[in-house]
Amino acid sequence: MKQFRLKCHLHLKYFDWPDESAMGMDTRKKNNKNASFREPHDYKSDRPLLDSLFSGEIDYLIRMIRMREIYAIELLLEPVGLTLSAWYPLAVLRVEDGMSQRELGSRLNLKDAAIGKAIDALERAGLVVRKKDATDRRKALVCLTKEGKTISEAVAGMRDQFQAVVVKDFSEIEKATFRDLLERSYQNIGDFITSSLDKKRD
């Protein structure tokens, strides 16, 4: 069975991906302290989780969970002037600082052009710098600055906080089962896409 690997070029209009207002410090907030916080999807917390039309339907549940996830992460990141698009790049660089642009893009399933613009934005925000690889001068490594390291640690704490919220009141067995089911669902969808693409090629 072919290993499924989805290469996606994200265009999240709510986060202006991949420009600097989304990837690094929000320049509008930086230049205007009174700039209003953008609510992704205009999500309202007083809305019911489910429309009765879709009650119990998995695809709808996934969509609604994703909407709440986006909103919650944006609320966590707002105090440090970041948006969702910085969430995972900073997480990767915090653990594996000093990787190439292509390596970072591969880890995040982003095309070269998209990750390049993302790194440019983080660099302009003062969170990363590009350094020549000592073993290969043709390769530039993406490295966190002192400020970037500080921010990445703060974001790591936010990620821990959010993940704890997601499984609040779950037992350890339920947490393990939940992760397993999510991973299996991810693989199932990947297998479906791979199979569908193979059929199109035949």
N, C-alpha and C. Protein backbone atom coordinates (compact mmCIF):
# COMPACT_ATOMS: atom_id res chain seq x y z
N MET A 1 0.84 -1.19 0.00
CA MET A 1 0.00 0.00 0.00
C MET A 1 0.88 1.25 0.00
N LYS A 2 0.56 2.15 -0.87
CA LYS A 2 1.34 3.37 -0.94
C LYS A 2 1.12 4.20 0.31
N GLN A 3 2.19 4.81 0.77
CA GLN A 3 2.04 5.68 1.93
C GLN A 3 1.44 7.00 1.47
N PHE A 4 0.39 7.37 2.12
CA PHE A 4 -0.29 8.60 1.74
C PHE A 4 0.44 9.81 2.31
N ARG A 5 0.70 10.78 1.45
CA ARG A 5 1.32 12.01 1.91
C ARG A 5 0.67 13.16 1.16
N LEU A 6 -0.15 13.88 1.83
CA LEU A 6 -0.89 14.95 1.21
C LEU A 6 -0.08 16.23 1.24
N LYS A 7 0.25 16.75 0.06
CA LYS A 7 0.93 18.03 -0.05
C LYS A 7 -0.12 19.10 -0.25
N CYS A 8 -0.22 19.98 0.70
CA CYS A 8 -1.26 20.99 0.58
C CYS A 8 -0.66 22.38 0.69
N HIS A 9 -1.18 23.27 -0.12
CA HIS A 9 -0.79 24.67 -0.06
C HIS A 9 -1.95 25.41 0.57
N LEU A 10 -1.79 25.75 1.84
CA LEU A 10 -2.89 26.31 2.58
C LEU A 10 -3.16 27.75 2.17
N HIS A 11 -4.41 28.05 1.99
CA HIS A 11 -4.83 29.43 1.76
C HIS A 11 -5.93 29.73 2.76
N LEU A 12 -5.56 30.10 3.96
CA LEU A 12 -6.54 30.38 4.99
C LEU A 12 -6.82 31.87 5.00
N LYS A 13 -7.92 32.26 4.38
CA LYS A 13 -8.16 33.69 4.21
C LYS A 13 -8.29 34.42 5.53
N TYR A 14 -8.66 33.70 6.58
CA TYR A 14 -8.84 34.36 7.86
C TYR A 14 -7.50 34.72 8.49
N PHE A 15 -6.42 34.11 8.01
CA PHE A 15 -5.11 34.36 8.60
C PHE A 15 -4.15 35.00 7.61
N ASP A 16 -4.65 35.39 6.44
CA ASP A 16 -3.83 36.03 5.42
C ASP A 16 -2.59 35.20 5.10
N TRP A 17 -2.69 33.89 5.19
CA TRP A 17 -1.55 33.00 4.91
C TRP A 17 -1.08 33.19 3.49
N PRO A 18 0.24 33.26 3.22
CA PRO A 18 1.31 33.15 4.19
C PRO A 18 2.05 34.46 4.41
N ASP A 19 1.38 35.61 4.44
CA ASP A 19 2.12 36.86 4.61
C ASP A 19 2.47 37.11 6.07
N GLU A 20 3.21 38.20 6.31
CA GLU A 20 3.74 38.41 7.64
C GLU A 20 2.68 38.67 8.69
N SER A 21 1.52 39.17 8.29
CA SER A 21 0.49 39.43 9.28
C SER A 21 -0.04 38.14 9.87
N ALA A 22 0.15 37.03 9.13
CA ALA A 22 -0.31 35.75 9.63
C ALA A 22 0.81 34.95 10.27
N MET A 23 2.00 34.97 9.63
CA MET A 23 3.06 34.09 10.08
C MET A 23 3.83 34.62 11.28
N GLY A 24 4.00 35.90 11.37
CA GLY A 24 4.80 36.42 12.47
C GLY A 24 4.00 37.37 13.31
N MET A 25 4.65 38.44 13.74
CA MET A 25 3.93 39.43 14.52
C MET A 25 2.90 40.08 13.61
N ASP A 26 1.70 40.23 14.09
CA ASP A 26 0.64 40.83 13.29
C ASP A 26 0.97 42.30 13.10
N THR A 27 1.37 42.68 11.88
CA THR A 27 1.85 44.04 11.64
C THR A 27 0.76 45.07 11.85
N ARG A 28 -0.48 44.70 11.61
CA ARG A 28 -1.55 45.67 11.82
C ARG A 28 -1.70 45.98 13.30
N LYS A 29 -1.57 44.95 14.15
CA LYS A 29 -1.66 45.19 15.58
C LYS A 29 -0.44 45.94 16.08
N LYS A 30 0.72 45.63 15.46
CA LYS A 30 1.95 46.27 15.88
C LYS A 30 1.89 47.77 15.60
N ASN A 31 1.28 48.12 14.47
CA ASN A 31 1.22 49.52 14.08
C ASN A 31 -0.02 50.22 14.61
N ASN A 32 -1.00 49.45 15.03
CA ASN A 32 -2.23 50.05 15.52
C ASN A 32 -2.72 49.26 16.72
N LYS A 33 -2.46 49.77 17.90
CA LYS A 33 -2.80 49.05 19.12
C LYS A 33 -4.31 48.87 19.27
N ASN A 34 -5.07 49.67 18.55
CA ASN A 34 -6.52 49.58 18.65
C ASN A 34 -7.13 48.67 17.60
N ALA A 35 -6.26 48.00 16.81
CA ALA A 35 -6.78 47.10 15.77
C ALA A 35 -7.60 46.00 16.42
N SER A 36 -8.74 45.71 15.83
CA SER A 36 -9.64 44.72 16.42
C SER A 36 -9.15 43.31 16.12
N PHE A 37 -9.42 42.40 17.03
CA PHE A 37 -9.06 41.00 16.85
C PHE A 37 -10.03 40.36 15.88
N ARG A 38 -9.49 39.67 14.88
CA ARG A 38 -10.32 39.05 13.87
C ARG A 38 -10.84 37.71 14.34
N GLU A 39 -12.12 37.51 14.30
CA GLU A 39 -12.70 36.24 14.70
C GLU A 39 -12.82 35.33 13.49
N PRO A 40 -12.03 34.24 13.43
CA PRO A 40 -12.11 33.35 12.28
C PRO A 40 -13.49 32.74 12.15
N HIS A 41 -13.99 32.73 10.92
CA HIS A 41 -15.30 32.16 10.60
C HIS A 41 -16.44 32.89 11.31
N ASP A 42 -16.16 34.05 11.92
CA ASP A 42 -17.19 34.76 12.68
C ASP A 42 -17.86 33.81 13.67
N TYR A 43 -17.06 32.97 14.28
CA TYR A 43 -17.59 31.95 15.19
C TYR A 43 -18.19 32.59 16.43
N LYS A 44 -19.36 32.13 16.82
CA LYS A 44 -20.03 32.64 18.02
C LYS A 44 -20.13 31.51 19.04
N SER A 45 -19.58 31.74 20.22
CA SER A 45 -19.52 30.68 21.22
C SER A 45 -20.89 30.27 21.73
N ASP A 46 -21.91 31.13 21.54
CA ASP A 46 -23.22 30.78 22.05
C ASP A 46 -24.03 29.96 21.04
N ARG A 47 -23.44 29.67 19.88
CA ARG A 47 -24.13 28.81 18.92
C ARG A 47 -24.08 27.36 19.40
N PRO A 48 -25.11 26.58 19.14
CA PRO A 48 -25.06 25.17 19.52
C PRO A 48 -24.00 24.46 18.70
N LEU A 49 -23.43 23.40 19.26
CA LEU A 49 -22.40 22.65 18.56
C LEU A 49 -22.92 22.09 17.26
N LEU A 50 -24.13 21.56 17.29
CA LEU A 50 -24.65 20.86 16.12
C LEU A 50 -25.96 21.46 15.63
N ASP A 51 -26.05 21.58 14.33
CA ASP A 51 -27.34 21.82 13.70
C ASP A 51 -28.05 20.48 13.68
N SER A 52 -29.32 20.47 14.01
CA SER A 52 -30.04 19.20 14.10
C SER A 52 -30.03 18.43 12.79
N LEU A 53 -29.88 19.15 11.68
CA LEU A 53 -29.83 18.50 10.38
C LEU A 53 -28.65 17.54 10.27
N PHE A 54 -27.53 17.91 10.96
CA PHE A 54 -26.30 17.12 10.86
C PHE A 54 -25.99 16.35 12.14
N SER A 55 -26.93 16.26 13.04
CA SER A 55 -26.69 15.65 14.34
C SER A 55 -26.08 14.26 14.22
N GLY A 56 -24.93 14.07 14.86
CA GLY A 56 -24.27 12.77 14.89
C GLY A 56 -23.46 12.44 13.66
N GLU A 57 -23.40 13.34 12.67
CA GLU A 57 -22.67 13.04 11.44
C GLU A 57 -21.20 13.44 11.60
N ILE A 58 -20.31 12.49 11.30
CA ILE A 58 -18.90 12.64 11.62
C ILE A 58 -18.24 13.80 10.88
N ASP A 59 -18.54 13.95 9.58
CA ASP A 59 -17.88 15.01 8.83
C ASP A 59 -18.24 16.38 9.40
N TYR A 60 -19.48 16.53 9.83
CA TYR A 60 -19.92 17.81 10.40
C TYR A 60 -19.26 18.05 11.76
N LEU A 61 -19.17 16.98 12.56
CA LEU A 61 -18.50 17.11 13.86
C LEU A 61 -17.05 17.54 13.69
N ILE A 62 -16.36 16.94 12.72
CA ILE A 62 -14.96 17.31 12.46
C ILE A 62 -14.87 18.78 12.09
N ARG A 63 -15.78 19.22 11.23
CA ARG A 63 -15.79 20.62 10.80
C ARG A 63 -15.99 21.56 11.99
N MET A 64 -16.96 21.23 12.84
CA MET A 64 -17.26 22.10 13.97
C MET A 64 -16.14 22.11 15.00
N ILE A 65 -15.52 20.95 15.21
CA ILE A 65 -14.37 20.90 16.12
C ILE A 65 -13.24 21.76 15.57
N ARG A 66 -13.00 21.66 14.27
CA ARG A 66 -11.94 22.46 13.66
C ARG A 66 -12.22 23.95 13.81
N MET A 67 -13.46 24.37 13.64
CA MET A 67 -13.80 25.78 13.80
C MET A 67 -13.53 26.25 15.23
N ARG A 68 -13.91 25.43 16.20
CA ARG A 68 -13.66 25.81 17.59
C ARG A 68 -12.17 25.79 17.90
N GLU A 69 -11.45 24.84 17.31
CA GLU A 69 -10.00 24.77 17.51
C GLU A 69 -9.34 26.06 17.02
N ILE A 70 -9.70 26.48 15.81
CA ILE A 70 -9.12 27.70 15.24
C ILE A 70 -9.39 28.90 16.15
N TYR A 71 -10.62 29.01 16.59
CA TYR A 71 -11.00 30.14 17.43
C TYR A 71 -10.23 30.12 18.75
N ALA A 72 -10.12 28.95 19.37
CA ALA A 72 -9.43 28.83 20.65
C ALA A 72 -7.95 29.15 20.51
N ILE A 73 -7.32 28.65 19.46
CA ILE A 73 -5.89 28.91 19.24
C ILE A 73 -5.65 30.39 18.99
N GLU A 74 -6.52 31.01 18.21
CA GLU A 74 -6.39 32.44 17.97
C GLU A 74 -6.47 33.23 19.27
N LEU A 75 -7.36 32.82 20.17
CA LEU A 75 -7.48 33.50 21.46
C LEU A 75 -6.20 33.33 22.28
N LEU A 76 -5.60 32.14 22.23
CA LEU A 76 -4.36 31.90 22.96
C LEU A 76 -3.21 32.74 22.41
N LEU A 77 -3.16 32.87 21.09
CA LEU A 77 -2.04 33.56 20.44
C LEU A 77 -2.18 35.08 20.42
N GLU A 78 -3.38 35.56 20.59
CA GLU A 78 -3.62 37.00 20.48
C GLU A 78 -2.69 37.84 21.36
N PRO A 79 -2.45 37.47 22.63
CA PRO A 79 -1.61 38.32 23.49
C PRO A 79 -0.18 38.50 22.99
N VAL A 80 0.34 37.53 22.22
CA VAL A 80 1.71 37.66 21.72
C VAL A 80 1.74 38.12 20.26
N GLY A 81 0.59 38.53 19.73
CA GLY A 81 0.54 39.09 18.39
C GLY A 81 0.74 38.10 17.27
N LEU A 82 0.46 36.82 17.53
CA LEU A 82 0.61 35.80 16.51
C LEU A 82 -0.76 35.27 16.09
N THR A 83 -0.78 34.57 14.96
CA THR A 83 -2.00 33.92 14.51
C THR A 83 -1.70 32.45 14.23
N LEU A 84 -2.71 31.72 13.85
CA LEU A 84 -2.63 30.27 13.72
C LEU A 84 -1.47 29.79 12.86
N SER A 85 -1.14 30.54 11.83
CA SER A 85 -0.12 30.09 10.88
C SER A 85 1.27 29.98 11.49
N ALA A 86 1.49 30.58 12.65
CA ALA A 86 2.79 30.47 13.33
C ALA A 86 2.83 29.29 14.30
N TRP A 87 1.69 28.69 14.54
CA TRP A 87 1.53 27.64 15.57
C TRP A 87 2.48 26.47 15.35
N TYR A 88 2.46 25.88 14.15
CA TYR A 88 3.26 24.68 13.89
C TYR A 88 4.70 24.96 13.46
N PRO A 89 4.97 25.99 12.63
CA PRO A 89 6.38 26.27 12.32
C PRO A 89 7.22 26.52 13.57
N LEU A 90 6.69 27.27 14.51
CA LEU A 90 7.44 27.52 15.74
C LEU A 90 7.59 26.25 16.57
N ALA A 91 6.57 25.38 16.51
CA ALA A 91 6.65 24.12 17.25
C ALA A 91 7.77 23.24 16.70
N VAL A 92 7.90 23.19 15.37
CA VAL A 92 8.95 22.38 14.76
C VAL A 92 10.33 22.96 15.06
N LEU A 93 10.49 24.27 14.87
CA LEU A 93 11.80 24.89 15.07
C LEU A 93 12.22 24.87 16.53
N ARG A 94 11.28 24.89 17.43
CA ARG A 94 11.62 24.83 18.86
C ARG A 94 12.35 23.52 19.18
N VAL A 95 11.94 22.44 18.53
CA VAL A 95 12.52 21.12 18.80
C VAL A 95 13.70 20.83 17.88
N GLU A 96 13.60 21.26 16.63
CA GLU A 96 14.64 20.97 15.64
C GLU A 96 15.08 22.27 14.97
N ASP A 97 15.66 23.14 15.73
CA ASP A 97 16.12 24.43 15.23
C ASP A 97 17.26 24.23 14.24
N GLY A 98 17.30 25.08 13.21
CA GLY A 98 18.41 25.02 12.27
C GLY A 98 18.22 24.03 11.15
N MET A 99 16.99 23.87 10.65
CA MET A 99 16.76 23.00 9.50
C MET A 99 16.60 23.86 8.25
N SER A 100 16.74 23.22 7.11
CA SER A 100 16.62 23.96 5.86
C SER A 100 15.17 24.32 5.58
N GLN A 101 15.01 25.27 4.68
CA GLN A 101 13.66 25.68 4.29
C GLN A 101 12.88 24.50 3.73
N ARG A 102 13.53 23.70 2.91
CA ARG A 102 12.84 22.55 2.30
C ARG A 102 12.45 21.53 3.36
N GLU A 103 13.32 21.30 4.33
CA GLU A 103 13.02 20.35 5.39
C GLU A 103 11.82 20.82 6.21
N LEU A 104 11.80 22.11 6.52
CA LEU A 104 10.69 22.65 7.29
C LEU A 104 9.39 22.56 6.50
N GLY A 105 9.46 22.87 5.21
CA GLY A 105 8.27 22.76 4.37
C GLY A 105 7.77 21.34 4.29
N SER A 106 8.70 20.38 4.21
CA SER A 106 8.31 18.98 4.16
C SER A 106 7.63 18.55 5.45
N ARG A 107 8.14 19.00 6.58
CA ARG A 107 7.54 18.64 7.86
C ARG A 107 6.11 19.18 7.98
N LEU A 108 5.87 20.33 7.36
CA LEU A 108 4.56 20.97 7.47
C LEU A 108 3.68 20.75 6.24
N ASN A 109 4.17 19.92 5.29
CA ASN A 109 3.41 19.64 4.07
C ASN A 109 3.07 20.92 3.30
N LEU A 110 4.06 21.78 3.15
CA LEU A 110 3.88 23.02 2.40
C LEU A 110 4.83 23.04 1.20
N LYS A 111 4.36 23.60 0.10
CA LYS A 111 5.20 23.73 -1.09
C LYS A 111 6.33 24.72 -0.82
N ASP A 112 7.37 24.62 -1.65
CA ASP A 112 8.56 25.46 -1.46
C ASP A 112 8.22 26.95 -1.43
N ALA A 113 7.37 27.38 -2.36
CA ALA A 113 7.02 28.80 -2.44
C ALA A 113 6.30 29.26 -1.18
N ALA A 114 5.40 28.42 -0.68
CA ALA A 114 4.62 28.79 0.50
C ALA A 114 5.48 28.87 1.75
N ILE A 115 6.34 27.87 1.95
CA ILE A 115 7.17 27.89 3.15
C ILE A 115 8.21 29.00 3.05
N GLY A 116 8.64 29.32 1.82
CA GLY A 116 9.58 30.42 1.64
C GLY A 116 8.99 31.74 2.08
N LYS A 117 7.75 31.99 1.69
CA LYS A 117 7.08 33.22 2.09
C LYS A 117 6.84 33.23 3.60
N ALA A 118 6.53 32.06 4.15
CA ALA A 118 6.30 31.98 5.59
C ALA A 118 7.57 32.32 6.36
N ILE A 119 8.69 31.78 5.91
CA ILE A 119 9.96 32.05 6.59
C ILE A 119 10.34 33.52 6.43
N ASP A 120 10.10 34.08 5.24
CA ASP A 120 10.36 35.51 5.02
C ASP A 120 9.60 36.34 6.05
N ALA A 121 8.35 35.97 6.28
CA ALA A 121 7.51 36.73 7.21
C ALA A 121 8.03 36.60 8.64
N LEU A 122 8.40 35.39 9.04
CA LEU A 122 8.96 35.19 10.38
C LEU A 122 10.27 35.94 10.54
N GLU A 123 11.04 35.99 9.47
CA GLU A 123 12.32 36.70 9.51
C GLU A 123 12.10 38.20 9.68
N ARG A 124 11.13 38.74 8.94
CA ARG A 124 10.84 40.17 9.08
C ARG A 124 10.30 40.50 10.46
N ALA A 125 9.64 39.52 11.08
CA ALA A 125 9.11 39.72 12.43
C ALA A 125 10.19 39.59 13.50
N GLY A 126 11.40 39.19 13.08
CA GLY A 126 12.50 39.06 14.02
C GLY A 126 12.50 37.77 14.80
N LEU A 127 11.76 36.77 14.32
CA LEU A 127 11.66 35.50 15.05
C LEU A 127 12.61 34.44 14.52
N VAL A 128 13.04 34.56 13.26
CA VAL A 128 14.01 33.62 12.70
C VAL A 128 15.04 34.37 11.87
N VAL A 129 16.17 33.72 11.64
CA VAL A 129 17.19 34.22 10.71
C VAL A 129 17.64 33.05 9.84
N ARG A 130 18.13 33.37 8.66
CA ARG A 130 18.71 32.35 7.79
C ARG A 130 20.23 32.37 7.96
N LYS A 131 20.81 31.18 8.15
CA LYS A 131 22.26 31.05 8.31
C LYS A 131 22.78 30.01 7.33
N LYS A 132 23.98 30.26 6.79
CA LYS A 132 24.59 29.30 5.87
C LYS A 132 24.96 28.03 6.61
N ASP A 133 24.68 26.90 5.97
CA ASP A 133 25.06 25.60 6.53
C ASP A 133 26.58 25.46 6.43
N ALA A 134 27.23 25.17 7.54
CA ALA A 134 28.69 25.06 7.56
C ALA A 134 29.20 23.94 6.67
N THR A 135 28.38 22.91 6.46
CA THR A 135 28.80 21.77 5.65
C THR A 135 28.37 21.88 4.19
N ASP A 136 27.46 22.79 3.91
CA ASP A 136 26.98 22.99 2.54
C ASP A 136 26.58 24.45 2.38
N ARG A 137 27.48 25.25 1.83
CA ARG A 137 27.26 26.69 1.73
C ARG A 137 26.09 27.05 0.83
N ARG A 138 25.63 26.09 0.03
CA ARG A 138 24.49 26.36 -0.85
C ARG A 138 23.17 26.31 -0.09
N LYS A 139 23.21 25.75 1.10
CA LYS A 139 21.99 25.56 1.89
C LYS A 139 21.90 26.58 3.01
N ALA A 140 20.73 27.19 3.15
CA ALA A 140 20.49 28.13 4.26
C ALA A 140 19.64 27.43 5.31
N LEU A 141 20.05 27.56 6.55
CA LEU A 141 19.31 26.96 7.65
C LEU A 141 18.44 28.01 8.33
N VAL A 142 17.25 27.61 8.70
CA VAL A 142 16.32 28.51 9.38
C VAL A 142 16.51 28.34 10.88
N CYS A 143 16.90 29.43 11.55
CA CYS A 143 17.21 29.36 12.98
C CYS A 143 16.40 30.39 13.75
N LEU A 144 15.95 30.00 14.92
CA LEU A 144 15.23 30.92 15.78
C LEU A 144 16.18 31.97 16.35
N THR A 145 15.70 33.20 16.42
CA THR A 145 16.44 34.25 17.12
C THR A 145 16.20 34.11 18.62
N LYS A 146 16.84 34.95 19.39
CA LYS A 146 16.61 34.93 20.83
C LYS A 146 15.13 35.18 21.13
N GLU A 147 14.56 36.17 20.44
CA GLU A 147 13.14 36.46 20.62
C GLU A 147 12.29 35.29 20.13
N GLY A 148 12.71 34.69 19.01
CA GLY A 148 11.97 33.56 18.47
C GLY A 148 11.95 32.38 19.42
N LYS A 149 13.08 32.14 20.10
CA LYS A 149 13.13 31.05 21.08
C LYS A 149 12.19 31.33 22.25
N THR A 150 12.17 32.58 22.69
CA THR A 150 11.28 32.94 23.79
C THR A 150 9.82 32.75 23.39
N ILE A 151 9.49 33.22 22.19
CA ILE A 151 8.11 33.09 21.71
C ILE A 151 7.74 31.63 21.49
N SER A 152 8.68 30.85 20.95
CA SER A 152 8.38 29.44 20.70
C SER A 152 8.11 28.68 22.00
N GLU A 153 8.81 29.06 23.07
CA GLU A 153 8.55 28.42 24.37
C GLU A 153 7.16 28.81 24.87
N ALA A 154 6.81 30.06 24.67
CA ALA A 154 5.48 30.51 25.09
C ALA A 154 4.39 29.77 24.31
N VAL A 155 4.61 29.60 23.01
CA VAL A 155 3.64 28.89 22.18
C VAL A 155 3.56 27.42 22.57
N ALA A 156 4.69 26.83 22.95
CA ALA A 156 4.68 25.43 23.41
C ALA A 156 3.78 25.27 24.64
N GLY A 157 3.86 26.24 25.54
CA GLY A 157 2.98 26.20 26.71
C GLY A 157 1.52 26.33 26.32
N MET A 158 1.26 27.17 25.32
CA MET A 158 -0.11 27.32 24.84
C MET A 158 -0.62 26.03 24.22
N ARG A 159 0.25 25.34 23.49
CA ARG A 159 -0.15 24.08 22.86
C ARG A 159 -0.48 23.04 23.93
N ASP A 160 0.33 22.99 24.98
CA ASP A 160 0.04 22.06 26.08
C ASP A 160 -1.31 22.40 26.71
N GLN A 161 -1.54 23.70 26.89
CA GLN A 161 -2.80 24.14 27.49
C GLN A 161 -3.99 23.74 26.62
N PHE A 162 -3.86 23.96 25.32
CA PHE A 162 -4.97 23.65 24.43
C PHE A 162 -5.23 22.15 24.36
N GLN A 163 -4.15 21.36 24.27
CA GLN A 163 -4.34 19.92 24.20
C GLN A 163 -4.97 19.36 25.47
N ALA A 164 -4.66 19.98 26.60
CA ALA A 164 -5.30 19.57 27.85
C ALA A 164 -6.79 19.88 27.82
N VAL A 165 -7.14 21.00 27.21
CA VAL A 165 -8.55 21.38 27.09
C VAL A 165 -9.31 20.36 26.24
N VAL A 166 -8.69 19.93 25.14
CA VAL A 166 -9.36 19.01 24.22
C VAL A 166 -9.75 17.71 24.91
N VAL A 167 -8.91 17.23 25.82
CA VAL A 167 -9.19 15.93 26.46
C VAL A 167 -9.55 16.10 27.94
N LYS A 168 -10.07 17.26 28.28
CA LYS A 168 -10.48 17.51 29.66
C LYS A 168 -11.50 16.46 30.11
N ASP A 169 -11.29 15.93 31.30
CA ASP A 169 -12.17 14.93 31.92
C ASP A 169 -12.12 13.57 31.22
N PHE A 170 -11.18 13.38 30.28
CA PHE A 170 -10.98 12.06 29.70
C PHE A 170 -10.11 11.24 30.65
N SER A 171 -10.39 9.96 30.76
CA SER A 171 -9.49 9.08 31.49
C SER A 171 -8.26 8.82 30.62
N GLU A 172 -7.21 8.25 31.21
CA GLU A 172 -6.01 7.95 30.43
C GLU A 172 -6.33 6.96 29.31
N ILE A 173 -7.20 6.01 29.60
CA ILE A 173 -7.60 5.05 28.57
C ILE A 173 -8.36 5.75 27.45
N GLU A 174 -9.25 6.66 27.82
CA GLU A 174 -10.01 7.40 26.82
C GLU A 174 -9.10 8.28 25.96
N LYS A 175 -8.09 8.89 26.59
CA LYS A 175 -7.14 9.71 25.83
C LYS A 175 -6.41 8.86 24.79
N ALA A 176 -5.93 7.70 25.22
CA ALA A 176 -5.21 6.82 24.30
C ALA A 176 -6.12 6.34 23.18
N THR A 177 -7.36 5.99 23.53
CA THR A 177 -8.32 5.54 22.52
C THR A 177 -8.65 6.65 21.54
N PHE A 178 -8.82 7.85 22.06
CA PHE A 178 -9.14 9.02 21.24
C PHE A 178 -8.03 9.27 20.21
N ARG A 179 -6.77 9.25 20.68
CA ARG A 179 -5.64 9.45 19.76
C ARG A 179 -5.60 8.35 18.70
N ASP A 180 -5.82 7.12 19.14
CA ASP A 180 -5.78 5.99 18.21
C ASP A 180 -6.86 6.11 17.15
N LEU A 181 -8.05 6.49 17.55
CA LEU A 181 -9.15 6.62 16.60
C LEU A 181 -8.90 7.76 15.61
N LEU A 182 -8.34 8.86 16.09
CA LEU A 182 -8.01 9.97 15.20
C LEU A 182 -6.96 9.55 14.17
N GLU A 183 -5.92 8.85 14.63
CA GLU A 183 -4.88 8.40 13.72
C GLU A 183 -5.42 7.41 12.69
N ARG A 184 -6.31 6.53 13.14
CA ARG A 184 -6.91 5.57 12.21
C ARG A 184 -7.81 6.26 11.20
N SER A 185 -8.55 7.26 11.64
CA SER A 185 -9.40 8.01 10.72
C SER A 185 -8.56 8.75 9.69
N TYR A 186 -7.46 9.34 10.16
CA TYR A 186 -6.54 10.05 9.26
C TYR A 186 -6.01 9.09 8.19
N GLN A 187 -5.60 7.90 8.62
CA GLN A 187 -5.08 6.91 7.68
C GLN A 187 -6.17 6.43 6.73
N ASN A 188 -7.37 6.23 7.25
CA ASN A 188 -8.48 5.78 6.39
C ASN A 188 -8.76 6.78 5.28
N ILE A 189 -8.79 8.06 5.63
CA ILE A 189 -9.04 9.09 4.62
C ILE A 189 -7.89 9.14 3.62
N GLY A 190 -6.67 8.99 4.14
CA GLY A 190 -5.51 8.97 3.25
C GLY A 190 -5.56 7.81 2.27
N ASP A 191 -5.94 6.63 2.77
CA ASP A 191 -6.06 5.46 1.89
C ASP A 191 -7.13 5.68 0.83
N PHE A 192 -8.23 6.33 1.22
CA PHE A 192 -9.30 6.61 0.27
C PHE A 192 -8.81 7.55 -0.84
N ILE A 193 -8.08 8.60 -0.45
CA ILE A 193 -7.58 9.55 -1.44
C ILE A 193 -6.59 8.87 -2.38
N THR A 194 -5.67 8.09 -1.81
CA THR A 194 -4.69 7.39 -2.63
C THR A 194 -5.37 6.45 -3.62
N SER A 195 -6.36 5.69 -3.13
CA SER A 195 -7.08 4.76 -3.99
C SER A 195 -7.83 5.50 -5.09
N SER A 196 -8.45 6.63 -4.73
CA SER A 196 -9.20 7.40 -5.72
C SER A 196 -8.28 7.96 -6.79
N LEU A 197 -7.10 8.45 -6.39
CA LEU A 197 -6.14 8.98 -7.36
C LEU A 197 -5.61 7.88 -8.26
N ASP A 198 -5.37 6.70 -7.69
CA ASP A 198 -4.90 5.57 -8.50
C ASP A 198 -5.93 5.19 -9.56
N LYS A 199 -7.20 5.21 -9.18
CA LYS A 199 -8.26 4.87 -10.14
C LYS A 199 -8.34 5.90 -11.26
N LYS A 200 -8.10 7.16 -10.93
CA LYS A 200 -8.14 8.21 -11.96
C LYS A 200 -7.01 8.02 -12.97
N ARG A 201 -5.88 7.49 -12.50
CA ARG A 201 -4.73 7.30 -13.40
C ARG A 201 -4.91 6.08 -14.31
N ASP A 202 -5.72 5.12 -13.86
CA ASP A 202 -5.93 3.89 -14.66
C ASP A 202 -6.75 4.16 -15.92
